[in-house]
Structure formats: structure tokens, C-alpha cells
Amino acid sequence: MSIEIEVRDPRDPDMMVILQTHLDFCMSSTPLEHVHALDVSKLTTPEITVFGGKLDGELVAVGAIRILAATHAELKSMHTLSAARGMGVGRAIVEQIEKFASERGITRLSLETGTSDAFKSARVLYQSMGFRPCQAFGKYENTEDNICMTKYFS
């Protein structure tokens, strides 16, 4: 089993399928007023870099980073297709994003995710990688439907 992570254009048709799957998942798992997933048009701004994850040559995952400030960035649009979950692709994307962030002087990486059971595996992954619950950042609010997490690194 081989995992490859690379910067990808979110407008690529294969990426658009995964991004739409992510958006559909979020909209079906969280009340609409607390869905913060971005559609493709919002992932093409200069402050966002999108990564694709391949498992044995097949694109199965997406993750993105949004630069918020000189030393703070946000992990966005993390999604692994259900057939590829548990195989390490999501972890590999987060590791690549952390490396990308660190190379740019970022020392804090934050995220927002859901609190329902549908997001449990994501929360477990983030916790296992050193992310901890934090106060809401940016335009987010911590509610019964979501939680913000952060990780400091050098």
C-alpha cells in the first residue's frame, strides 16, 4: 500500500468529486447553520492550498490549509472517502500540511470539526496528532454541533 500526498487544483474533476462528497457529508451530519465546509469556489483563493491524497495511485482524500496570520493557519476540507478510511491517508495529509505550514513559519494550526458521532473518527485522529480543544477562532463559535481544536508546533 502506497500513500502519496500532493498539492492539487480543487477544480480538477477528481478533486471536485471528493470535495462535493465532503460537502454532502457535512450538510447531512450537521445543522446547516453550523456547516463551515467550503465549496470549490472558496478553495481557490490565494491563502488556501489544497492537497490530494492518493492510495495506491487512486485519489481518495482531500485536505487544505488556509493561512490566517503570519504564524496561524487553519486545517480545512479534510475528507477521506469511506472506502479508504483507516488506512492512514488522512494522517498523511495532516502531516504534509503541518510540514507545509512549518516551512512557512506557521507555529499554530487550528481546525473546526463536528461533534456528532459522524465526526468521531476525525476528532480521534486530530487528538492523536496533538490537537486539543480550544476557544473558537476566526468567525467560528463553539456550539453543541462543533468544536475548535488547535496545535502548536515549531
C-alpha atoms as a PDB file:
ATOM      1  CA  MET A   1       0.000   0.000   0.000  1.00  0.00           C
ATOM      2  CA  SER A   2       1.452   3.357  -1.013  1.00  0.00           C
ATOM      3  CA  ILE A   3       0.246   6.807   0.036  1.00  0.00           C
ATOM      4  CA  GLU A   4       1.079   9.951  -1.929  1.00  0.00           C
ATOM      5  CA  ILE A   5       0.166  13.490  -0.901  1.00  0.00           C
ATOM      6  CA  GLU A   6       0.443  16.363  -3.377  1.00  0.00           C
ATOM      7  CA  VAL A   7      -0.819  19.896  -3.934  1.00  0.00           C
ATOM      8  CA  ARG A   8      -3.861  19.721  -6.212  1.00  0.00           C
ATOM      9  CA  ASP A   9      -6.150  22.151  -8.004  1.00  0.00           C
ATOM     10  CA  PRO A  10      -9.577  21.874  -6.342  1.00  0.00           C
ATOM     11  CA  ARG A  11     -11.179  22.419  -9.771  1.00  0.00           C
ATOM     12  CA  ASP A  12      -9.712  19.143 -11.042  1.00  0.00           C
ATOM     13  CA  PRO A  13     -12.711  16.849 -11.745  1.00  0.00           C
ATOM     14  CA  ASP A  14     -11.484  14.081  -9.414  1.00  0.00           C
ATOM     15  CA  MET A  15     -10.926  16.592  -6.614  1.00  0.00           C
ATOM     16  CA  MET A  16     -14.344  18.114  -7.211  1.00  0.00           C
ATOM     17  CA  VAL A  17     -15.952  14.705  -6.612  1.00  0.00           C
ATOM     18  CA  ILE A  18     -14.236  14.323  -3.232  1.00  0.00           C
ATOM     19  CA  LEU A  19     -14.950  17.924  -2.261  1.00  0.00           C
ATOM     20  CA  GLN A  20     -18.634  17.504  -3.121  1.00  0.00           C
ATOM     21  CA  THR A  21     -18.706  14.267  -1.114  1.00  0.00           C
ATOM     22  CA  HIS A  22     -17.221  16.209   1.811  1.00  0.00           C
ATOM     23  CA  LEU A  23     -19.770  18.999   1.477  1.00  0.00           C
ATOM     24  CA  ASP A  24     -22.644  16.487   1.255  1.00  0.00           C
ATOM     25  CA  PHE A  25     -21.307  14.633   4.319  1.00  0.00           C
ATOM     26  CA  CYS A  26     -21.075  17.831   6.366  1.00  0.00           C
ATOM     27  CA  MET A  27     -24.535  19.021   5.309  1.00  0.00           C
ATOM     28  CA  SER A  28     -26.096  15.664   6.199  1.00  0.00           C
ATOM     29  CA  SER A  29     -24.285  15.388   9.556  1.00  0.00           C
ATOM     30  CA  THR A  30     -24.567  18.910  10.963  1.00  0.00           C
ATOM     31  CA  PRO A  31     -27.358  21.502  11.144  1.00  0.00           C
ATOM     32  CA  LEU A  32     -26.900  23.801   8.146  1.00  0.00           C
ATOM     33  CA  GLU A  33     -26.249  26.884  10.283  1.00  0.00           C
ATOM     34  CA  HIS A  34     -23.141  25.165  11.703  1.00  0.00           C
ATOM     35  CA  VAL A  35     -21.722  23.776   8.437  1.00  0.00           C
ATOM     36  CA  HIS A  36     -18.434  25.517   7.624  1.00  0.00           C
ATOM     37  CA  ALA A  37     -17.270  23.319   4.735  1.00  0.00           C
ATOM     38  CA  LEU A  38     -16.097  25.283   1.721  1.00  0.00           C
ATOM     39  CA  ASP A  39     -17.235  24.693  -1.822  1.00  0.00           C
ATOM     40  CA  VAL A  40     -14.718  24.581  -4.662  1.00  0.00           C
ATOM     41  CA  SER A  41     -15.042  28.289  -5.479  1.00  0.00           C
ATOM     42  CA  LYS A  42     -13.888  29.230  -1.959  1.00  0.00           C
ATOM     43  CA  LEU A  43     -10.902  26.875  -2.111  1.00  0.00           C
ATOM     44  CA  THR A  44      -9.226  28.732  -4.975  1.00  0.00           C
ATOM     45  CA  THR A  45      -8.212  31.854  -3.039  1.00  0.00           C
ATOM     46  CA  PRO A  46      -4.514  32.704  -2.567  1.00  0.00           C
ATOM     47  CA  GLU A  47      -4.496  31.975   1.177  1.00  0.00           C
ATOM     48  CA  ILE A  48      -5.664  28.374   0.641  1.00  0.00           C
ATOM     49  CA  THR A  49      -3.580  25.448  -0.578  1.00  0.00           C
ATOM     50  CA  VAL A  50      -5.361  22.163  -1.318  1.00  0.00           C
ATOM     51  CA  PHE A  51      -3.777  18.720  -1.058  1.00  0.00           C
ATOM     52  CA  GLY A  52      -4.954  15.444  -2.523  1.00  0.00           C
ATOM     53  CA  GLY A  53      -4.221  12.053  -1.047  1.00  0.00           C
ATOM     54  CA  LYS A  54      -3.717   9.003  -3.228  1.00  0.00           C
ATOM     55  CA  LEU A  55      -3.833   5.415  -2.050  1.00  0.00           C
ATOM     56  CA  ASP A  56      -2.137   3.047  -4.494  1.00  0.00           C
ATOM     57  CA  GLY A  57      -2.443   5.714  -7.192  1.00  0.00           C
ATOM     58  CA  GLU A  58      -6.148   6.435  -6.649  1.00  0.00           C
ATOM     59  CA  LEU A  59      -7.254   9.852  -5.341  1.00  0.00           C
ATOM     60  CA  VAL A  60      -9.192   9.132  -2.138  1.00  0.00           C
ATOM     61  CA  ALA A  61      -8.761  12.160   0.149  1.00  0.00           C
ATOM     62  CA  VAL A  62      -8.507  15.913   0.382  1.00  0.00           C
ATOM     63  CA  GLY A  63      -7.212  18.399   2.914  1.00  0.00           C
ATOM     64  CA  ALA A  64      -6.420  22.092   2.792  1.00  0.00           C
ATOM     65  CA  ILE A  65      -4.658  24.798   4.720  1.00  0.00           C
ATOM     66  CA  ARG A  66      -5.835  28.401   4.993  1.00  0.00           C
ATOM     67  CA  ILE A  67      -3.273  30.923   6.180  1.00  0.00           C
ATOM     68  CA  LEU A  68      -4.952  33.151   8.789  1.00  0.00           C
ATOM     69  CA  ALA A  69      -1.994  35.189  10.040  1.00  0.00           C
ATOM     70  CA  ALA A  70       1.800  35.163   9.963  1.00  0.00           C
ATOM     71  CA  THR A  71       2.016  32.278  12.446  1.00  0.00           C
ATOM     72  CA  HIS A  72      -1.535  30.845  12.470  1.00  0.00           C
ATOM     73  CA  ALA A  73      -3.257  28.674   9.875  1.00  0.00           C
ATOM     74  CA  GLU A  74      -6.396  26.565   9.663  1.00  0.00           C
ATOM     75  CA  LEU A  75      -6.813  22.965   8.589  1.00  0.00           C
ATOM     76  CA  LYS A  76      -9.808  22.857   6.198  1.00  0.00           C
ATOM     77  CA  SER A  77     -11.770  20.486   3.981  1.00  0.00           C
ATOM     78  CA  MET A  78     -10.386  17.258   5.435  1.00  0.00           C
ATOM     79  CA  HIS A  79     -12.165  14.252   3.944  1.00  0.00           C
ATOM     80  CA  THR A  80     -11.244  10.682   3.115  1.00  0.00           C
ATOM     81  CA  LEU A  81     -13.624   8.606   1.030  1.00  0.00           C
ATOM     82  CA  SER A  82     -15.286   5.961   3.201  1.00  0.00           C
ATOM     83  CA  ALA A  83     -13.664   3.022   1.366  1.00  0.00           C
ATOM     84  CA  ALA A  84     -10.185   4.367   2.217  1.00  0.00           C
ATOM     85  CA  ARG A  85     -10.730   5.336   5.861  1.00  0.00           C
ATOM     86  CA  GLY A  86      -8.467   3.814   8.469  1.00  0.00           C
ATOM     87  CA  MET A  87      -5.592   3.337   6.017  1.00  0.00           C
ATOM     88  CA  GLY A  88      -3.516   6.354   7.059  1.00  0.00           C
ATOM     89  CA  VAL A  89      -4.294   8.738   4.221  1.00  0.00           C
ATOM     90  CA  GLY A  90      -5.930  11.377   6.445  1.00  0.00           C
ATOM     91  CA  ARG A  91      -2.998  11.258   8.864  1.00  0.00           C
ATOM     92  CA  ALA A  92      -0.563  11.604   5.950  1.00  0.00           C
ATOM     93  CA  ILE A  93      -2.409  14.686   4.675  1.00  0.00           C
ATOM     94  CA  VAL A  94      -2.333  16.335   8.108  1.00  0.00           C
ATOM     95  CA  GLU A  95       1.392  15.541   8.421  1.00  0.00           C
ATOM     96  CA  GLN A  96       2.056  17.069   4.988  1.00  0.00           C
ATOM     97  CA  ILE A  97       0.012  20.154   5.860  1.00  0.00           C
ATOM     98  CA  GLU A  98       1.944  20.538   9.127  1.00  0.00           C
ATOM     99  CA  LYS A  99       5.220  20.331   7.192  1.00  0.00           C
ATOM    100  CA  PHE A 100       3.933  22.853   4.627  1.00  0.00           C
ATOM    101  CA  ALA A 101       2.856  25.183   7.469  1.00  0.00           C
ATOM    102  CA  SER A 102       6.115  24.850   9.373  1.00  0.00           C
ATOM    103  CA  GLU A 103       8.136  25.698   6.257  1.00  0.00           C
ATOM    104  CA  ARG A 104       6.170  28.964   6.083  1.00  0.00           C
ATOM    105  CA  GLY A 105       6.745  29.948   9.713  1.00  0.00           C
ATOM    106  CA  ILE A 106       3.355  28.811  10.989  1.00  0.00           C
ATOM    107  CA  THR A 107       3.507  27.728  14.636  1.00  0.00           C
ATOM    108  CA  ARG A 108      -0.194  27.187  15.310  1.00  0.00           C
ATOM    109  CA  LEU A 109      -2.605  25.089  13.269  1.00  0.00           C
ATOM    110  CA  SER A 110      -6.281  25.182  14.204  1.00  0.00           C
ATOM    111  CA  LEU A 111      -9.419  23.473  12.945  1.00  0.00           C
ATOM    112  CA  GLU A 112     -13.170  23.297  13.402  1.00  0.00           C
ATOM    113  CA  THR A 113     -14.998  19.984  13.248  1.00  0.00           C
ATOM    114  CA  GLY A 114     -18.328  18.465  14.145  1.00  0.00           C
ATOM    115  CA  THR A 115     -19.278  16.950  17.490  1.00  0.00           C
ATOM    116  CA  SER A 116     -21.715  14.302  16.245  1.00  0.00           C
ATOM    117  CA  ASP A 117     -20.774  10.621  16.022  1.00  0.00           C
ATOM    118  CA  ALA A 118     -20.246  11.083  12.274  1.00  0.00           C
ATOM    119  CA  PHE A 119     -17.127  13.142  13.093  1.00  0.00           C
ATOM    120  CA  LYS A 120     -15.807  10.904  15.877  1.00  0.00           C
ATOM    121  CA  SER A 121     -13.034   9.318  13.793  1.00  0.00           C
ATOM    122  CA  ALA A 122     -11.867  12.785  12.715  1.00  0.00           C
ATOM    123  CA  ARG A 123     -11.735  14.004  16.323  1.00  0.00           C
ATOM    124  CA  VAL A 124      -9.833  10.861  17.371  1.00  0.00           C
ATOM    125  CA  LEU A 125      -7.324  11.415  14.550  1.00  0.00           C
ATOM    126  CA  TYR A 126      -6.790  15.064  15.468  1.00  0.00           C
ATOM    127  CA  GLN A 127      -6.383  14.263  19.171  1.00  0.00           C
ATOM    128  CA  SER A 128      -3.894  11.500  18.370  1.00  0.00           C
ATOM    129  CA  MET A 129      -1.861  14.053  16.408  1.00  0.00           C
ATOM    130  CA  GLY A 130      -1.702  16.550  19.272  1.00  0.00           C
ATOM    131  CA  PHE A 131      -4.678  18.812  18.558  1.00  0.00           C
ATOM    132  CA  ARG A 132      -6.515  19.941  21.690  1.00  0.00           C
ATOM    133  CA  PRO A 133      -9.878  21.683  22.200  1.00  0.00           C
ATOM    134  CA  CYS A 134      -9.560  25.457  22.171  1.00  0.00           C
ATOM    135  CA  GLN A 135     -11.597  28.618  22.198  1.00  0.00           C
ATOM    136  CA  ALA A 136     -13.292  29.399  18.914  1.00  0.00           C
ATOM    137  CA  PHE A 137     -11.079  31.285  16.472  1.00  0.00           C
ATOM    138  CA  GLY A 138     -11.846  33.477  13.475  1.00  0.00           C
ATOM    139  CA  LYS A 139     -15.577  33.596  12.745  1.00  0.00           C
ATOM    140  CA  TYR A 140     -16.323  30.260  14.436  1.00  0.00           C
ATOM    141  CA  GLU A 141     -18.320  29.683  17.575  1.00  0.00           C
ATOM    142  CA  ASN A 142     -18.115  26.553  19.676  1.00  0.00           C
ATOM    143  CA  THR A 143     -21.629  25.105  19.846  1.00  0.00           C
ATOM    144  CA  GLU A 144     -23.203  21.746  20.621  1.00  0.00           C
ATOM    145  CA  ASP A 145     -22.636  20.901  16.944  1.00  0.00           C
ATOM    146  CA  ASN A 146     -18.971  21.811  16.581  1.00  0.00           C
ATOM    147  CA  ILE A 147     -15.660  22.148  18.357  1.00  0.00           C
ATOM    148  CA  CYS A 148     -12.469  24.044  17.625  1.00  0.00           C
ATOM    149  CA  MET A 149      -9.095  22.427  18.171  1.00  0.00           C
ATOM    150  CA  THR A 150      -5.528  23.702  17.885  1.00  0.00           C
ATOM    151  CA  LYS A 151      -1.953  22.505  17.894  1.00  0.00           C
ATOM    152  CA  TYR A 152       1.218  24.459  18.480  1.00  0.00           C
ATOM    153  CA  PHE A 153       4.453  23.274  16.885  1.00  0.00           C
ATOM    154  CA  SER A 154       7.785  24.636  15.751  1.00  0.00           C
END
